[in-house]
């Protein structure tokens, strides 16, 4: 893998986050998708730096998503309450019809 893969995942993070956010009309879902792809970019960066592939996968996601969660938990706990409200199960799903 090379540096273009890192750039590709970073670009995917931006575009797929925007598409998911606008498609579902939810900033939170768009941010989550962006953070996942940024975690993949961090994984590739750690592999390029010589870390084991399996360890770097978990560590890349932990760094990006984990530290974002810690930041929100410490500095902005109200946002996590909004996230919890958005993902609460509110009845059975009937599919797309």
PDB file of N, CA and C in Angstrom:
ATOM      1  N   UNK A   1       0.834  -1.175   0.000  1.00  0.00           N
ATOM      2  CA  UNK A   1       0.000   0.000   0.000  1.00  0.00           C
ATOM      3  C   UNK A   1       0.882   1.243   0.000  1.00  0.00           C
ATOM      4  N   UNK A   2       0.359   2.268  -0.553  1.00  0.00           N
ATOM      5  CA  UNK A   2       1.148   3.488  -0.622  1.00  0.00           C
ATOM      6  C   UNK A   2       0.321   4.681  -0.146  1.00  0.00           C
ATOM      7  N   UNK A   3       0.897   5.837  -0.327  1.00  0.00           N
ATOM      8  CA  UNK A   3       0.275   7.056   0.188  1.00  0.00           C
ATOM      9  C   UNK A   3      -0.996   7.434  -0.553  1.00  0.00           C
ATOM     10  N   UNK A   4      -1.158   6.942  -1.795  1.00  0.00           N
ATOM     11  CA  UNK A   4      -2.391   7.263  -2.515  1.00  0.00           C
ATOM     12  C   UNK A   4      -3.600   6.590  -1.860  1.00  0.00           C
ATOM     13  N   UNK A   5      -3.389   5.444  -1.218  1.00  0.00           N
ATOM     14  CA  UNK A   5      -4.489   4.793  -0.507  1.00  0.00           C
ATOM     15  C   UNK A   5      -4.942   5.642   0.670  1.00  0.00           C
ATOM     16  N   UNK A   6      -3.990   6.246   1.348  1.00  0.00           N
ATOM     17  CA  UNK A   6      -4.327   7.132   2.468  1.00  0.00           C
ATOM     18  C   UNK A   6      -5.136   8.319   1.963  1.00  0.00           C
ATOM     19  N   UNK A   7      -4.716   8.896   0.862  1.00  0.00           N
ATOM     20  CA  UNK A   7      -5.454  10.023   0.279  1.00  0.00           C
ATOM     21  C   UNK A   7      -6.837   9.595  -0.200  1.00  0.00           C
ATOM     22  N   UNK A   8      -6.946   8.371  -0.741  1.00  0.00           N
ATOM     23  CA  UNK A   8      -8.241   7.885  -1.209  1.00  0.00           C
ATOM     24  C   UNK A   8      -9.214   7.719  -0.040  1.00  0.00           C
ATOM     25  N   UNK A   9      -8.752   7.142   1.063  1.00  0.00           N
ATOM     26  CA  UNK A   9      -9.630   6.983   2.214  1.00  0.00           C
ATOM     27  C   UNK A   9      -9.986   8.331   2.838  1.00  0.00           C
ATOM     28  N   UNK A  10      -9.072   9.272   2.798  1.00  0.00           N
ATOM     29  CA  UNK A  10      -9.381  10.603   3.307  1.00  0.00           C
ATOM     30  C   UNK A  10     -10.441  11.282   2.438  1.00  0.00           C
ATOM     31  N   UNK A  11     -10.302  11.155   1.139  1.00  0.00           N
ATOM     32  CA  UNK A  11     -11.309  11.695   0.225  1.00  0.00           C
ATOM     33  C   UNK A  11     -12.655  11.002   0.385  1.00  0.00           C
ATOM     34  N   UNK A  12     -12.621   9.682   0.553  1.00  0.00           N
ATOM     35  CA  UNK A  12     -13.857   8.947   0.797  1.00  0.00           C
ATOM     36  C   UNK A  12     -14.522   9.397   2.088  1.00  0.00           C
ATOM     37  N   UNK A  13     -13.707   9.721   3.066  1.00  0.00           N
ATOM     38  CA  UNK A  13     -14.252  10.184   4.336  1.00  0.00           C
ATOM     39  C   UNK A  13     -15.046  11.465   4.140  1.00  0.00           C
ATOM     40  N   UNK A  14     -14.521  12.367   3.353  1.00  0.00           N
ATOM     41  CA  UNK A  14     -15.198  13.641   3.125  1.00  0.00           C
ATOM     42  C   UNK A  14     -16.474  13.442   2.306  1.00  0.00           C
ATOM     43  N   UNK A  15     -16.344  12.776   1.170  1.00  0.00           N
ATOM     44  CA  UNK A  15     -17.486  12.650   0.270  1.00  0.00           C
ATOM     45  C   UNK A  15     -18.560  11.718   0.799  1.00  0.00           C
ATOM     46  N   UNK A  16     -18.178  10.581   1.352  1.00  0.00           N
ATOM     47  CA  UNK A  16     -19.206   9.665   1.857  1.00  0.00           C
ATOM     48  C   UNK A  16     -19.867  10.217   3.111  1.00  0.00           C
ATOM     49  N   UNK A  17     -19.125  10.971   3.915  1.00  0.00           N
ATOM     50  CA  UNK A  17     -19.739  11.617   5.065  1.00  0.00           C
ATOM     51  C   UNK A  17     -20.771  12.643   4.650  1.00  0.00           C
ATOM     52  N   UNK A  18     -20.454  13.420   3.627  1.00  0.00           N
ATOM     53  CA  UNK A  18     -21.417  14.397   3.115  1.00  0.00           C
ATOM     54  C   UNK A  18     -22.640  13.721   2.512  1.00  0.00           C
ATOM     55  N   UNK A  19     -22.411  12.668   1.745  1.00  0.00           N
ATOM     56  CA  UNK A  19     -23.527  11.973   1.108  1.00  0.00           C
ATOM     57  C   UNK A  19     -24.415  11.314   2.162  1.00  0.00           C
ATOM     58  N   UNK A  20     -23.797  10.649   3.139  1.00  0.00           N
ATOM     59  CA  UNK A  20     -24.589   9.998   4.195  1.00  0.00           C
ATOM     60  C   UNK A  20     -25.325  11.038   5.038  1.00  0.00           C
ATOM     61  N   UNK A  21     -24.667  12.132   5.338  1.00  0.00           N
ATOM     62  CA  UNK A  21     -25.302  13.167   6.134  1.00  0.00           C
ATOM     63  C   UNK A  21     -26.457  13.828   5.418  1.00  0.00           C
ATOM     64  N   UNK A  22     -26.264  14.149   4.148  1.00  0.00           N
ATOM     65  CA  UNK A  22     -27.339  14.778   3.384  1.00  0.00           C
ATOM     66  C   UNK A  22     -28.429  13.787   3.007  1.00  0.00           C
ATOM     67  N   UNK A  23     -28.035  12.540   2.745  1.00  0.00           N
ATOM     68  CA  UNK A  23     -29.014  11.527   2.360  1.00  0.00           C
ATOM     69  C   UNK A  23     -29.949  11.152   3.489  1.00  0.00           C
ATOM     70  N   UNK A  24     -29.439  11.122   4.698  1.00  0.00           N
ATOM     71  CA  UNK A  24     -30.287  10.772   5.845  1.00  0.00           C
ATOM     72  C   UNK A  24     -30.748  11.997   6.614  1.00  0.00           C
ATOM     73  N   UNK A  25     -30.315  13.163   6.169  1.00  0.00           N
ATOM     74  CA  UNK A  25     -30.632  14.424   6.852  1.00  0.00           C
ATOM     75  C   UNK A  25     -30.191  14.389   8.315  1.00  0.00           C
ATOM     76  N   UNK A  26     -28.997  13.837   8.546  1.00  0.00           N
ATOM     77  CA  UNK A  26     -28.482  13.695   9.897  1.00  0.00           C
ATOM     78  C   UNK A  26     -26.991  14.004   9.906  1.00  0.00           C
ATOM     79  N   UNK A  27     -26.628  15.041  10.615  1.00  0.00           N
ATOM     80  CA  UNK A  27     -25.217  15.395  10.743  1.00  0.00           C
ATOM     81  C   UNK A  27     -24.467  14.307  11.501  1.00  0.00           C
ATOM     82  N   UNK A  28     -25.128  13.690  12.463  1.00  0.00           N
ATOM     83  CA  UNK A  28     -24.481  12.684  13.306  1.00  0.00           C
ATOM     84  C   UNK A  28     -24.094  11.465  12.486  1.00  0.00           C
ATOM     85  N   UNK A  29     -24.981  10.997  11.619  1.00  0.00           N
ATOM     86  CA  UNK A  29     -24.662   9.835  10.782  1.00  0.00           C
ATOM     87  C   UNK A  29     -23.560  10.166   9.778  1.00  0.00           C
ATOM     88  N   UNK A  30     -23.587  11.352   9.231  1.00  0.00           N
ATOM     89  CA  UNK A  30     -22.516  11.756   8.320  1.00  0.00           C
ATOM     90  C   UNK A  30     -21.172  11.834   9.015  1.00  0.00           C
ATOM     91  N   UNK A  31     -21.167  12.355  10.231  1.00  0.00           N
ATOM     92  CA  UNK A  31     -19.927  12.422  11.002  1.00  0.00           C
ATOM     93  C   UNK A  31     -19.410  11.027  11.337  1.00  0.00           C
ATOM     94  N   UNK A  32     -20.306  10.110  11.679  1.00  0.00           N
ATOM     95  CA  UNK A  32     -19.900   8.747  11.994  1.00  0.00           C
ATOM     96  C   UNK A  32     -19.241   8.076  10.795  1.00  0.00           C
ATOM     97  N   UNK A  33     -19.828   8.224   9.608  1.00  0.00           N
ATOM     98  CA  UNK A  33     -19.251   7.637   8.395  1.00  0.00           C
ATOM     99  C   UNK A  33     -17.895   8.267   8.105  1.00  0.00           C
ATOM    100  N   UNK A  34     -17.785   9.575   8.272  1.00  0.00           N
ATOM    101  CA  UNK A  34     -16.496  10.245   8.060  1.00  0.00           C
ATOM    102  C   UNK A  34     -15.437   9.736   9.020  1.00  0.00           C
ATOM    103  N   UNK A  35     -15.807   9.568  10.278  1.00  0.00           N
ATOM    104  CA  UNK A  35     -14.842   9.069  11.257  1.00  0.00           C
ATOM    105  C   UNK A  35     -14.405   7.639  10.950  1.00  0.00           C
ATOM    106  N   UNK A  36     -15.306   6.822  10.434  1.00  0.00           N
ATOM    107  CA  UNK A  36     -14.930   5.454  10.083  1.00  0.00           C
ATOM    108  C   UNK A  36     -13.888   5.454   8.962  1.00  0.00           C
ATOM    109  N   UNK A  37     -14.109   6.248   7.924  1.00  0.00           N
ATOM    110  CA  UNK A  37     -13.147   6.289   6.834  1.00  0.00           C
ATOM    111  C   UNK A  37     -11.837   6.950   7.254  1.00  0.00           C
ATOM    112  N   UNK A  38     -11.894   7.928   8.147  1.00  0.00           N
ATOM    113  CA  UNK A  38     -10.650   8.490   8.675  1.00  0.00           C
ATOM    114  C   UNK A  38      -9.903   7.459   9.508  1.00  0.00           C
ATOM    115  N   UNK A  39     -10.632   6.588  10.186  1.00  0.00           N
ATOM    116  CA  UNK A  39      -9.999   5.478  10.903  1.00  0.00           C
ATOM    117  C   UNK A  39      -9.293   4.539   9.944  1.00  0.00           C
ATOM    118  N   UNK A  40      -9.902   4.278   8.779  1.00  0.00           N
ATOM    119  CA  UNK A  40      -9.239   3.438   7.774  1.00  0.00           C
ATOM    120  C   UNK A  40      -7.977   4.120   7.246  1.00  0.00           C
ATOM    121  N   UNK A  41      -8.038   5.426   7.042  1.00  0.00           N
ATOM    122  CA  UNK A  41      -6.855   6.165   6.595  1.00  0.00           C
ATOM    123  C   UNK A  41      -5.758   6.091   7.650  1.00  0.00           C
ATOM    124  N   UNK A  42      -6.126   6.198   8.936  1.00  0.00           N
ATOM    125  CA  UNK A  42      -5.146   6.075  10.009  1.00  0.00           C
ATOM    126  C   UNK A  42      -4.554   4.667  10.038  1.00  0.00           C
ATOM    127  N   UNK A  43      -5.378   3.656   9.746  1.00  0.00           N
ATOM    128  CA  UNK A  43      -4.891   2.283   9.686  1.00  0.00           C
ATOM    129  C   UNK A  43      -3.815   2.137   8.617  1.00  0.00           C
ATOM    130  N   UNK A  44      -4.084   2.666   7.435  1.00  0.00           N
ATOM    131  CA  UNK A  44      -3.107   2.567   6.342  1.00  0.00           C
ATOM    132  C   UNK A  44      -1.843   3.340   6.695  1.00  0.00           C
ATOM    133  N   UNK A  45      -1.989   4.478   7.348  1.00  0.00           N
ATOM    134  CA  UNK A  45      -0.817   5.251   7.771  1.00  0.00           C
ATOM    135  C   UNK A  45       0.029   4.447   8.753  1.00  0.00           C
ATOM    136  N   UNK A  46      -0.612   3.791   9.703  1.00  0.00           N
ATOM    137  CA  UNK A  46       0.133   2.979  10.665  1.00  0.00           C
ATOM    138  C   UNK A  46       0.816   1.788   9.996  1.00  0.00           C
ATOM    139  N   UNK A  47       0.178   1.211   8.984  1.00  0.00           N
ATOM    140  CA  UNK A  47       0.811   0.120   8.227  1.00  0.00           C
ATOM    141  C   UNK A  47       2.031   0.648   7.484  1.00  0.00           C
ATOM    142  N   UNK A  48       1.901   1.825   6.883  1.00  0.00           N
ATOM    143  CA  UNK A  48       3.036   2.439   6.181  1.00  0.00           C
ATOM    144  C   UNK A  48       4.197   2.738   7.129  1.00  0.00           C
ATOM    145  N   UNK A  49       3.875   3.030   8.379  1.00  0.00           N
ATOM    146  CA  UNK A  49       4.925   3.312   9.353  1.00  0.00           C
ATOM    147  C   UNK A  49       5.547   2.047   9.926  1.00  0.00           C
ATOM    148  N   UNK A  50       5.010   0.879   9.552  1.00  0.00           N
ATOM    149  CA  UNK A  50       5.648  -0.374   9.937  1.00  0.00           C
ATOM    150  C   UNK A  50       4.952  -1.164  11.022  1.00  0.00           C
ATOM    151  N   UNK A  51       3.762  -0.772  11.422  1.00  0.00           N
ATOM    152  CA  UNK A  51       3.026  -1.500  12.446  1.00  0.00           C
ATOM    153  C   UNK A  51       2.329  -2.705  11.813  1.00  0.00           C
ATOM    154  N   UNK A  52       2.095  -3.738  12.595  1.00  0.00           N
ATOM    155  CA  UNK A  52       1.414  -4.942  12.121  1.00  0.00           C
ATOM    156  C   UNK A  52       0.026  -4.582  11.589  1.00  0.00           C
ATOM    157  N   UNK A  53      -0.406  -5.271  10.515  1.00  0.00           N
ATOM    158  CA  UNK A  53      -1.659  -4.915   9.861  1.00  0.00           C
ATOM    159  C   UNK A  53      -2.867  -5.100  10.770  1.00  0.00           C
ATOM    160  N   UNK A  54      -2.933  -6.202  11.482  1.00  0.00           N
ATOM    161  CA  UNK A  54      -4.093  -6.462  12.325  1.00  0.00           C
ATOM    162  C   UNK A  54      -4.137  -5.482  13.489  1.00  0.00           C
ATOM    163  N   UNK A  55      -3.011  -5.268  14.129  1.00  0.00           N
ATOM    164  CA  UNK A  55      -2.940  -4.321  15.233  1.00  0.00           C
ATOM    165  C   UNK A  55      -3.260  -2.908  14.766  1.00  0.00           C
ATOM    166  N   UNK A  56      -2.770  -2.560  13.589  1.00  0.00           N
ATOM    167  CA  UNK A  56      -3.000  -1.205  13.090  1.00  0.00           C
ATOM    168  C   UNK A  56      -4.466  -0.974  12.752  1.00  0.00           C
ATOM    169  N   UNK A  57      -5.199  -2.026  12.342  1.00  0.00           N
ATOM    170  CA  UNK A  57      -6.619  -1.848  12.054  1.00  0.00           C
ATOM    171  C   UNK A  57      -7.368  -1.420  13.314  1.00  0.00           C
ATOM    172  N   UNK A  58      -7.162  -2.143  14.396  1.00  0.00           N
ATOM    173  CA  UNK A  58      -7.859  -1.805  15.638  1.00  0.00           C
ATOM    174  C   UNK A  58      -7.348  -0.491  16.230  1.00  0.00           C
ATOM    175  N   UNK A  59      -6.052  -0.273  16.147  1.00  0.00           N
ATOM    176  CA  UNK A  59      -5.468   0.942  16.704  1.00  0.00           C
ATOM    177  C   UNK A  59      -5.899   2.179  15.913  1.00  0.00           C
ATOM    178  N   UNK A  60      -6.007   2.069  14.589  1.00  0.00           N
ATOM    179  CA  UNK A  60      -6.445   3.204  13.770  1.00  0.00           C
ATOM    180  C   UNK A  60      -7.857   3.629  14.100  1.00  0.00           C
ATOM    181  N   UNK A  61      -8.756   2.654  14.243  1.00  0.00           N
ATOM    182  CA  UNK A  61     -10.132   2.987  14.609  1.00  0.00           C
ATOM    183  C   UNK A  61     -10.203   3.529  16.030  1.00  0.00           C
ATOM    184  N   UNK A  62      -9.419   2.940  16.925  1.00  0.00           N
ATOM    185  CA  UNK A  62      -9.424   3.396  18.314  1.00  0.00           C
ATOM    186  C   UNK A  62      -8.929   4.836  18.427  1.00  0.00           C
ATOM    187  N   UNK A  63      -7.904   5.168  17.681  1.00  0.00           N
ATOM    188  CA  UNK A  63      -7.355   6.523  17.732  1.00  0.00           C
ATOM    189  C   UNK A  63      -8.390   7.538  17.253  1.00  0.00           C
ATOM    190  N   UNK A  64      -8.965   7.307  16.094  1.00  0.00           N
ATOM    191  CA  UNK A  64      -9.862   8.295  15.505  1.00  0.00           C
ATOM    192  C   UNK A  64     -11.217   8.326  16.206  1.00  0.00           C
ATOM    193  N   UNK A  65     -11.891   7.187  16.252  1.00  0.00           N
ATOM    194  CA  UNK A  65     -13.234   7.152  16.823  1.00  0.00           C
ATOM    195  C   UNK A  65     -13.183   7.264  18.343  1.00  0.00           C
ATOM    196  N   UNK A  66     -12.222   6.594  18.957  1.00  0.00           N
ATOM    197  CA  UNK A  66     -12.116   6.610  20.407  1.00  0.00           C
ATOM    198  C   UNK A  66     -11.817   7.985  20.975  1.00  0.00           C
ATOM    199  N   UNK A  67     -10.870   8.680  20.380  1.00  0.00           N
ATOM    200  CA  UNK A  67     -10.544  10.007  20.882  1.00  0.00           C
ATOM    201  C   UNK A  67     -11.646  11.019  20.595  1.00  0.00           C
ATOM    202  N   UNK A  68     -12.369  10.830  19.495  1.00  0.00           N
ATOM    203  CA  UNK A  68     -13.519  11.698  19.240  1.00  0.00           C
ATOM    204  C   UNK A  68     -14.586  11.476  20.298  1.00  0.00           C
ATOM    205  N   UNK A  69     -14.829  10.205  20.649  1.00  0.00           N
ATOM    206  CA  UNK A  69     -15.799   9.906  21.694  1.00  0.00           C
ATOM    207  C   UNK A  69     -15.363  10.504  23.034  1.00  0.00           C
ATOM    208  N   UNK A  70     -14.083  10.348  23.369  1.00  0.00           N
ATOM    209  CA  UNK A  70     -13.592  10.909  24.634  1.00  0.00           C
ATOM    210  C   UNK A  70     -13.729  12.430  24.660  1.00  0.00           C
ATOM    211  N   UNK A  71     -13.425  13.072  23.547  1.00  0.00           N
ATOM    212  CA  UNK A  71     -13.578  14.519  23.468  1.00  0.00           C
ATOM    213  C   UNK A  71     -15.032  14.914  23.716  1.00  0.00           C
ATOM    214  N   UNK A  72     -15.951  14.231  23.030  1.00  0.00           N
ATOM    215  CA  UNK A  72     -17.363  14.557  23.212  1.00  0.00           C
ATOM    216  C   UNK A  72     -17.832  14.242  24.618  1.00  0.00           C
ATOM    217  N   UNK A  73     -17.342  13.165  25.193  1.00  0.00           N
ATOM    218  CA  UNK A  73     -17.756  12.764  26.539  1.00  0.00           C
ATOM    219  C   UNK A  73     -17.307  13.788  27.584  1.00  0.00           C
ATOM    220  N   UNK A  74     -16.100  14.333  27.405  1.00  0.00           N
ATOM    221  CA  UNK A  74     -15.548  15.258  28.393  1.00  0.00           C
ATOM    222  C   UNK A  74     -15.991  16.703  28.123  1.00  0.00           C
ATOM    223  N   UNK A  75     -15.863  17.141  26.892  1.00  0.00           N
ATOM    224  CA  UNK A  75     -16.087  18.552  26.577  1.00  0.00           C
ATOM    225  C   UNK A  75     -17.526  18.887  26.184  1.00  0.00           C
ATOM    226  N   UNK A  76     -18.230  17.986  25.529  1.00  0.00           N
ATOM    227  CA  UNK A  76     -19.573  18.266  25.015  1.00  0.00           C
ATOM    228  C   UNK A  76     -20.536  17.108  25.300  1.00  0.00           C
ATOM    229  N   UNK A  77     -20.880  16.849  26.548  1.00  0.00           N
ATOM    230  CA  UNK A  77     -21.755  15.704  26.846  1.00  0.00           C
ATOM    231  C   UNK A  77     -23.179  15.849  26.307  1.00  0.00           C
ATOM    232  N   UNK A  78     -23.617  17.044  26.023  1.00  0.00           N
ATOM    233  CA  UNK A  78     -24.953  17.239  25.466  1.00  0.00           C
ATOM    234  C   UNK A  78     -25.103  16.646  24.079  1.00  0.00           C
ATOM    235  N   UNK A  79     -24.029  16.650  23.312  1.00  0.00           N
ATOM    236  CA  UNK A  79     -24.083  16.091  21.965  1.00  0.00           C
ATOM    237  C   UNK A  79     -24.304  14.590  22.023  1.00  0.00           C
ATOM    238  N   UNK A  80     -23.687  13.917  22.991  1.00  0.00           N
ATOM    239  CA  UNK A  80     -23.881  12.471  23.111  1.00  0.00           C
ATOM    240  C   UNK A  80     -25.317  12.130  23.484  1.00  0.00           C
ATOM    241  N   UNK A  81     -25.983  12.998  24.211  1.00  0.00           N
ATOM    242  CA  UNK A  81     -27.399  12.783  24.520  1.00  0.00           C
ATOM    243  C   UNK A  81     -28.243  12.877  23.246  1.00  0.00           C
ATOM    244  N   UNK A  82     -27.896  13.796  22.346  1.00  0.00           N
ATOM    245  CA  UNK A  82     -28.600  13.907  21.067  1.00  0.00           C
ATOM    246  C   UNK A  82     -28.365  12.673  20.207  1.00  0.00           C
ATOM    247  N   UNK A  83     -27.132  12.159  20.237  1.00  0.00           N
ATOM    248  CA  UNK A  83     -26.813  10.948  19.480  1.00  0.00           C
ATOM    249  C   UNK A  83     -27.622   9.776  20.007  1.00  0.00           C
ATOM    250  N   UNK A  84     -27.716   9.656  21.305  1.00  0.00           N
ATOM    251  CA  UNK A  84     -28.478   8.567  21.907  1.00  0.00           C
ATOM    252  C   UNK A  84     -29.946   8.651  21.506  1.00  0.00           C
ATOM    253  N   UNK A  85     -30.507   9.858  21.488  1.00  0.00           N
ATOM    254  CA  UNK A  85     -31.902  10.027  21.081  1.00  0.00           C
ATOM    255  C   UNK A  85     -32.116   9.631  19.625  1.00  0.00           C
ATOM    256  N   UNK A  86     -31.136   9.929  18.782  1.00  0.00           N
ATOM    257  CA  UNK A  86     -31.292   9.629  17.367  1.00  0.00           C
ATOM    258  C   UNK A  86     -31.248   8.135  17.092  1.00  0.00           C
ATOM    259  N   UNK A  87     -30.479   7.397  17.858  1.00  0.00           N
ATOM    260  CA  UNK A  87     -30.324   5.966  17.613  1.00  0.00           C
ATOM    261  C   UNK A  87     -31.213   5.096  18.499  1.00  0.00           C
ATOM    262  N   UNK A  88     -32.170   5.667  19.198  1.00  0.00           N
ATOM    263  CA  UNK A  88     -33.083   4.875  20.030  1.00  0.00           C
ATOM    264  C   UNK A  88     -34.052   4.123  19.119  1.00  0.00           C
ATOM    265  N   UNK A  89     -34.276   2.863  19.458  1.00  0.00           N
ATOM    266  CA  UNK A  89     -35.224   2.027  18.732  1.00  0.00           C
ATOM    267  C   UNK A  89     -36.629   2.490  19.064  1.00  0.00           C
ATOM    268  N   UNK A  90     -37.405   2.805  18.051  1.00  0.00           N
ATOM    269  CA  UNK A  90     -38.755   3.307  18.317  1.00  0.00           C
ATOM    270  C   UNK A  90     -39.829   2.504  17.592  1.00  0.00           C
ATOM    271  N   UNK A  91     -39.694   1.223  17.573  1.00  0.00           N
ATOM    272  CA  UNK A  91     -40.712   0.365  16.989  1.00  0.00           C
ATOM    273  C   UNK A  91     -40.169  -0.493  15.868  1.00  0.00           C
ATOM    274  N   UNK A  92     -40.978  -1.426  15.414  1.00  0.00           N
ATOM    275  CA  UNK A  92     -40.508  -2.343  14.364  1.00  0.00           C
ATOM    276  C   UNK A  92     -40.349  -1.622  13.029  1.00  0.00           C
ATOM    277  N   UNK A  93     -39.387  -2.088  12.284  1.00  0.00           N
ATOM    278  CA  UNK A  93     -39.150  -1.534  10.956  1.00  0.00           C
ATOM    279  C   UNK A  93     -40.002  -2.298   9.947  1.00  0.00           C
ATOM    280  N   UNK A  94     -40.561  -1.576   9.013  1.00  0.00           N
ATOM    281  CA  UNK A  94     -41.396  -2.211   7.989  1.00  0.00           C
ATOM    282  C   UNK A  94     -40.713  -2.176   6.632  1.00  0.00           C
ATOM    283  N   UNK A  95     -39.407  -2.052   6.617  1.00  0.00           N
ATOM    284  CA  UNK A  95     -38.693  -2.027   5.351  1.00  0.00           C
ATOM    285  C   UNK A  95     -38.892  -0.714   4.628  1.00  0.00           C
ATOM    286  N   UNK A  96     -38.723  -0.737   3.339  1.00  0.00           N
ATOM    287  CA  UNK A  96     -38.824   0.490   2.571  1.00  0.00           C
ATOM    288  C   UNK A  96     -40.232   0.711   2.020  1.00  0.00           C
ATOM    289  N   UNK A  97     -41.140  -0.181   2.246  1.00  0.00           N
ATOM    290  CA  UNK A  97     -42.505  -0.030   1.703  1.00  0.00           C
ATOM    291  C   UNK A  97     -43.488   0.328   2.763  1.00  0.00           C
TER     292      UNK A  97
END
